[in-house]
Amino acid sequence: MTLDEAQKQVDQWINTTGVRYFNELTNMAILTEEVGEVARIIARQYGEQSFKEKDKEVNLADEMADVLFVLICLANQTGINLSEALTQNLVKKNIRDQDRHKNNPKLKP
């Protein structure tokens, strides 16, 4: 699925099953909450924290998809084409960071 297709599918879902978009501030709060859920899993799965017994059935992929869903909602609401935005962002990074990471002594093996 492309980003354009994802934006269309999310919009269709919102306007049928979801009834309407939550406002942008509500979606920003939801996005923050979903990112927190991803952070919680990462901290326990890859970091030093341990899972509580009730949290062992978490699904990182599903939580990341929740983040993407809400981000797509915000993009749709604000008229942002994520495919175009990502393309432009990569152009910016390729210019700005062309040598930055190669010359970063912290990244050398």
N, C-alpha and C. Protein backbone atom coordinates (compact mmCIF):
# COMPACT_ATOMS: atom_id res chain seq x y z
N MET A 1 0.84 -1.18 0.00
CA MET A 1 0.00 0.00 0.00
C MET A 1 0.89 1.24 0.00
N THR A 2 0.58 2.20 -0.85
CA THR A 2 1.34 3.45 -0.87
C THR A 2 0.80 4.40 0.21
N LEU A 3 1.55 5.44 0.47
CA LEU A 3 1.06 6.45 1.42
C LEU A 3 -0.21 7.11 0.91
N ASP A 4 -0.28 7.37 -0.40
CA ASP A 4 -1.50 7.96 -0.97
C ASP A 4 -2.69 7.04 -0.75
N GLU A 5 -2.50 5.75 -1.00
CA GLU A 5 -3.58 4.80 -0.78
C GLU A 5 -3.98 4.74 0.69
N ALA A 6 -2.98 4.78 1.57
CA ALA A 6 -3.26 4.75 3.01
C ALA A 6 -4.07 5.98 3.42
N GLN A 7 -3.70 7.14 2.91
CA GLN A 7 -4.45 8.36 3.25
C GLN A 7 -5.90 8.25 2.78
N LYS A 8 -6.11 7.69 1.61
CA LYS A 8 -7.48 7.53 1.09
C LYS A 8 -8.26 6.51 1.92
N GLN A 9 -7.62 5.40 2.27
CA GLN A 9 -8.31 4.36 3.04
C GLN A 9 -8.67 4.85 4.44
N VAL A 10 -7.76 5.57 5.07
CA VAL A 10 -8.05 6.12 6.40
C VAL A 10 -9.20 7.12 6.30
N ASP A 11 -9.17 7.98 5.29
CA ASP A 11 -10.25 8.95 5.11
C ASP A 11 -11.59 8.25 4.91
N GLN A 12 -11.59 7.21 4.10
CA GLN A 12 -12.83 6.46 3.86
C GLN A 12 -13.33 5.83 5.16
N TRP A 13 -12.42 5.25 5.94
CA TRP A 13 -12.81 4.63 7.20
C TRP A 13 -13.37 5.67 8.16
N ILE A 14 -12.68 6.80 8.27
CA ILE A 14 -13.14 7.86 9.18
C ILE A 14 -14.54 8.32 8.80
N ASN A 15 -14.78 8.52 7.52
CA ASN A 15 -16.06 9.07 7.08
C ASN A 15 -17.20 8.05 7.03
N THR A 16 -16.89 6.78 7.26
CA THR A 16 -17.96 5.77 7.30
C THR A 16 -18.06 5.20 8.71
N THR A 17 -17.08 4.42 9.09
CA THR A 17 -17.08 3.76 10.39
C THR A 17 -16.80 4.74 11.53
N GLY A 18 -15.87 5.62 11.33
CA GLY A 18 -15.47 6.55 12.39
C GLY A 18 -16.39 7.75 12.53
N VAL A 19 -17.31 7.94 11.64
CA VAL A 19 -18.30 9.03 11.60
C VAL A 19 -17.67 10.35 11.17
N ARG A 20 -16.62 10.80 11.87
CA ARG A 20 -15.94 12.05 11.51
C ARG A 20 -14.57 12.05 12.17
N TYR A 21 -13.72 12.96 11.72
CA TYR A 21 -12.40 13.13 12.35
C TYR A 21 -12.58 13.79 13.72
N PHE A 22 -11.78 13.34 14.70
CA PHE A 22 -11.64 14.13 15.92
C PHE A 22 -10.93 15.41 15.53
N ASN A 23 -11.06 16.46 16.33
CA ASN A 23 -10.36 17.69 15.96
C ASN A 23 -8.85 17.49 16.09
N GLU A 24 -8.11 18.41 15.50
CA GLU A 24 -6.66 18.28 15.41
C GLU A 24 -5.99 18.20 16.79
N LEU A 25 -6.48 18.96 17.75
CA LEU A 25 -5.87 18.90 19.08
C LEU A 25 -6.12 17.55 19.75
N THR A 26 -7.31 17.02 19.58
CA THR A 26 -7.60 15.70 20.12
C THR A 26 -6.72 14.66 19.46
N ASN A 27 -6.59 14.72 18.13
CA ASN A 27 -5.73 13.76 17.44
C ASN A 27 -4.27 13.90 17.84
N MET A 28 -3.83 15.13 18.13
CA MET A 28 -2.45 15.30 18.59
C MET A 28 -2.26 14.62 19.93
N ALA A 29 -3.23 14.74 20.81
CA ALA A 29 -3.15 14.07 22.11
C ALA A 29 -3.18 12.55 21.94
N ILE A 30 -4.02 12.07 21.03
CA ILE A 30 -4.08 10.63 20.77
C ILE A 30 -2.76 10.14 20.18
N LEU A 31 -2.17 10.92 19.27
CA LEU A 31 -0.88 10.55 18.68
C LEU A 31 0.19 10.43 19.77
N THR A 32 0.20 11.38 20.69
CA THR A 32 1.16 11.35 21.79
C THR A 32 0.96 10.11 22.65
N GLU A 33 -0.29 9.79 22.91
CA GLU A 33 -0.60 8.58 23.68
C GLU A 33 -0.12 7.32 22.96
N GLU A 34 -0.36 7.24 21.67
CA GLU A 34 0.05 6.06 20.90
C GLU A 34 1.57 5.95 20.83
N VAL A 35 2.27 7.07 20.66
CA VAL A 35 3.74 7.04 20.67
C VAL A 35 4.24 6.55 22.03
N GLY A 36 3.56 6.97 23.09
CA GLY A 36 3.91 6.50 24.43
C GLY A 36 3.78 5.00 24.57
N GLU A 37 2.75 4.43 23.93
CA GLU A 37 2.57 2.98 23.99
C GLU A 37 3.70 2.27 23.24
N VAL A 38 4.14 2.84 22.13
CA VAL A 38 5.29 2.28 21.41
C VAL A 38 6.53 2.37 22.30
N ALA A 39 6.74 3.52 22.92
CA ALA A 39 7.90 3.72 23.79
C ALA A 39 7.89 2.72 24.94
N ARG A 40 6.73 2.47 25.51
CA ARG A 40 6.62 1.52 26.62
C ARG A 40 7.09 0.12 26.19
N ILE A 41 6.65 -0.31 25.01
CA ILE A 41 7.04 -1.63 24.52
C ILE A 41 8.55 -1.67 24.24
N ILE A 42 9.07 -0.64 23.57
CA ILE A 42 10.50 -0.59 23.24
C ILE A 42 11.34 -0.63 24.52
N ALA A 43 10.92 0.14 25.53
CA ALA A 43 11.68 0.19 26.79
C ALA A 43 11.74 -1.17 27.46
N ARG A 44 10.69 -1.96 27.27
CA ARG A 44 10.65 -3.27 27.92
C ARG A 44 11.25 -4.37 27.05
N GLN A 45 11.03 -4.27 25.75
CA GLN A 45 11.52 -5.32 24.86
C GLN A 45 13.01 -5.17 24.55
N TYR A 46 13.48 -3.93 24.44
CA TYR A 46 14.88 -3.69 24.05
C TYR A 46 15.68 -2.98 25.13
N GLY A 47 15.00 -2.43 26.11
CA GLY A 47 15.68 -1.70 27.18
C GLY A 47 15.76 -2.53 28.45
N GLU A 48 16.01 -1.85 29.55
CA GLU A 48 16.22 -2.52 30.82
C GLU A 48 14.95 -2.79 31.61
N GLN A 49 13.84 -2.19 31.22
CA GLN A 49 12.61 -2.43 31.97
C GLN A 49 12.04 -3.80 31.64
N SER A 50 11.26 -4.32 32.55
CA SER A 50 10.64 -5.64 32.32
C SER A 50 9.14 -5.48 32.16
N PHE A 51 8.55 -6.45 31.49
CA PHE A 51 7.10 -6.46 31.29
C PHE A 51 6.42 -6.91 32.57
N LYS A 52 5.27 -6.31 32.86
CA LYS A 52 4.39 -6.86 33.89
C LYS A 52 3.71 -8.06 33.25
N GLU A 53 3.26 -8.96 34.07
CA GLU A 53 2.63 -10.18 33.55
C GLU A 53 1.49 -9.85 32.59
N LYS A 54 0.68 -8.84 32.91
CA LYS A 54 -0.47 -8.49 32.08
C LYS A 54 -0.07 -7.82 30.76
N ASP A 55 1.17 -7.34 30.66
CA ASP A 55 1.64 -6.62 29.47
C ASP A 55 2.42 -7.50 28.50
N LYS A 56 2.53 -8.78 28.77
CA LYS A 56 3.39 -9.64 27.94
C LYS A 56 2.81 -9.93 26.57
N GLU A 57 1.57 -9.67 26.35
CA GLU A 57 0.93 -9.95 25.06
C GLU A 57 0.85 -8.71 24.18
N VAL A 58 1.74 -7.76 24.35
CA VAL A 58 1.72 -6.53 23.55
C VAL A 58 2.18 -6.82 22.13
N ASN A 59 1.78 -5.96 21.21
CA ASN A 59 2.10 -6.15 19.80
C ASN A 59 2.69 -4.85 19.27
N LEU A 60 4.00 -4.81 19.12
CA LEU A 60 4.69 -3.60 18.68
C LEU A 60 4.21 -3.15 17.30
N ALA A 61 4.04 -4.08 16.38
CA ALA A 61 3.58 -3.72 15.02
C ALA A 61 2.22 -3.05 15.07
N ASP A 62 1.31 -3.56 15.88
CA ASP A 62 -0.02 -2.98 16.00
C ASP A 62 0.05 -1.58 16.59
N GLU A 63 0.90 -1.40 17.58
CA GLU A 63 1.03 -0.07 18.19
C GLU A 63 1.65 0.93 17.21
N MET A 64 2.63 0.47 16.41
CA MET A 64 3.19 1.36 15.39
C MET A 64 2.14 1.71 14.34
N ALA A 65 1.29 0.75 14.00
CA ALA A 65 0.21 1.03 13.05
C ALA A 65 -0.77 2.04 13.63
N ASP A 66 -1.02 1.99 14.94
CA ASP A 66 -1.88 3.00 15.58
C ASP A 66 -1.27 4.40 15.42
N VAL A 67 0.05 4.50 15.61
CA VAL A 67 0.74 5.79 15.44
C VAL A 67 0.57 6.27 14.00
N LEU A 68 0.80 5.39 13.06
CA LEU A 68 0.67 5.75 11.64
C LEU A 68 -0.75 6.18 11.30
N PHE A 69 -1.74 5.47 11.82
CA PHE A 69 -3.14 5.79 11.56
C PHE A 69 -3.46 7.22 12.01
N VAL A 70 -3.07 7.56 13.23
CA VAL A 70 -3.38 8.90 13.75
C VAL A 70 -2.58 9.96 13.01
N LEU A 71 -1.34 9.67 12.65
CA LEU A 71 -0.54 10.61 11.87
C LEU A 71 -1.20 10.87 10.51
N ILE A 72 -1.71 9.80 9.90
CA ILE A 72 -2.42 9.95 8.63
C ILE A 72 -3.68 10.80 8.82
N CYS A 73 -4.39 10.58 9.90
CA CYS A 73 -5.57 11.42 10.19
C CYS A 73 -5.17 12.89 10.24
N LEU A 74 -4.11 13.20 10.95
CA LEU A 74 -3.66 14.59 11.05
C LEU A 74 -3.25 15.14 9.69
N ALA A 75 -2.58 14.33 8.90
CA ALA A 75 -2.19 14.77 7.56
C ALA A 75 -3.43 15.06 6.71
N ASN A 76 -4.40 14.17 6.76
CA ASN A 76 -5.64 14.39 6.01
C ASN A 76 -6.34 15.67 6.45
N GLN A 77 -6.40 15.88 7.74
CA GLN A 77 -7.10 17.05 8.28
C GLN A 77 -6.42 18.36 7.91
N THR A 78 -5.11 18.32 7.78
CA THR A 78 -4.36 19.55 7.53
C THR A 78 -3.96 19.71 6.07
N GLY A 79 -4.45 18.81 5.22
CA GLY A 79 -4.20 18.93 3.78
C GLY A 79 -2.78 18.58 3.36
N ILE A 80 -2.12 17.72 4.12
CA ILE A 80 -0.74 17.35 3.80
C ILE A 80 -0.74 16.02 3.05
N ASN A 81 -0.08 15.99 1.91
CA ASN A 81 0.13 14.76 1.17
C ASN A 81 1.42 14.15 1.70
N LEU A 82 1.30 13.05 2.41
CA LEU A 82 2.47 12.47 3.06
C LEU A 82 3.51 11.95 2.08
N SER A 83 3.09 11.49 0.91
CA SER A 83 4.06 11.06 -0.11
C SER A 83 4.94 12.23 -0.53
N GLU A 84 4.32 13.36 -0.83
CA GLU A 84 5.07 14.55 -1.22
C GLU A 84 5.93 15.05 -0.08
N ALA A 85 5.37 15.05 1.12
CA ALA A 85 6.11 15.55 2.29
C ALA A 85 7.34 14.69 2.56
N LEU A 86 7.19 13.36 2.48
CA LEU A 86 8.32 12.48 2.72
C LEU A 86 9.38 12.64 1.64
N THR A 87 8.95 12.76 0.39
CA THR A 87 9.90 12.97 -0.71
C THR A 87 10.72 14.24 -0.48
N GLN A 88 10.05 15.33 -0.13
CA GLN A 88 10.74 16.59 0.13
C GLN A 88 11.65 16.49 1.35
N ASN A 89 11.20 15.76 2.35
CA ASN A 89 12.01 15.60 3.56
C ASN A 89 13.30 14.84 3.26
N LEU A 90 13.20 13.81 2.41
CA LEU A 90 14.40 13.05 2.05
C LEU A 90 15.35 13.89 1.21
N VAL A 91 14.83 14.75 0.33
CA VAL A 91 15.67 15.66 -0.44
C VAL A 91 16.44 16.56 0.53
N LYS A 92 15.71 17.12 1.51
CA LYS A 92 16.34 17.99 2.51
C LYS A 92 17.44 17.25 3.26
N LYS A 93 17.14 16.04 3.72
CA LYS A 93 18.12 15.27 4.48
C LYS A 93 19.34 14.91 3.64
N ASN A 94 19.13 14.58 2.37
CA ASN A 94 20.25 14.24 1.49
C ASN A 94 21.18 15.42 1.27
N ILE A 95 20.63 16.62 1.24
CA ILE A 95 21.46 17.82 1.08
C ILE A 95 22.12 18.17 2.41
N ARG A 96 21.32 18.28 3.45
CA ARG A 96 21.82 18.73 4.75
C ARG A 96 22.77 17.73 5.38
N ASP A 97 22.49 16.45 5.25
CA ASP A 97 23.24 15.45 5.98
C ASP A 97 24.18 14.62 5.10
N GLN A 98 24.50 15.15 3.93
CA GLN A 98 25.31 14.40 2.97
C GLN A 98 26.57 13.84 3.61
N ASP A 99 27.27 14.63 4.40
CA ASP A 99 28.51 14.18 5.04
C ASP A 99 28.42 14.15 6.56
N ARG A 100 27.34 14.66 7.11
CA ARG A 100 27.23 14.81 8.55
C ARG A 100 27.43 13.50 9.31
N HIS A 101 26.72 12.46 8.93
CA HIS A 101 26.81 11.20 9.66
C HIS A 101 28.11 10.45 9.37
N LYS A 102 28.61 10.58 8.15
CA LYS A 102 29.88 9.95 7.79
C LYS A 102 31.02 10.54 8.63
N ASN A 103 30.91 11.84 8.95
CA ASN A 103 31.97 12.53 9.69
C ASN A 103 31.74 12.56 11.20
N ASN A 104 30.70 11.89 11.67
CA ASN A 104 30.39 11.89 13.09
C ASN A 104 31.22 10.81 13.79
N PRO A 105 32.18 11.23 14.62
CA PRO A 105 33.04 10.25 15.28
C PRO A 105 32.26 9.30 16.21
N LYS A 106 31.10 9.72 16.67
CA LYS A 106 30.29 8.88 17.55
C LYS A 106 29.71 7.68 16.79
N LEU A 107 29.65 7.76 15.47
CA LEU A 107 29.07 6.68 14.67
C LEU A 107 30.11 5.74 14.09
N LYS A 108 31.37 6.04 14.33
CA LYS A 108 32.45 5.19 13.81
C LYS A 108 32.54 3.92 14.66
N PRO A 109 32.79 2.77 14.01
CA PRO A 109 32.89 1.51 14.78
C PRO A 109 34.13 1.47 15.65
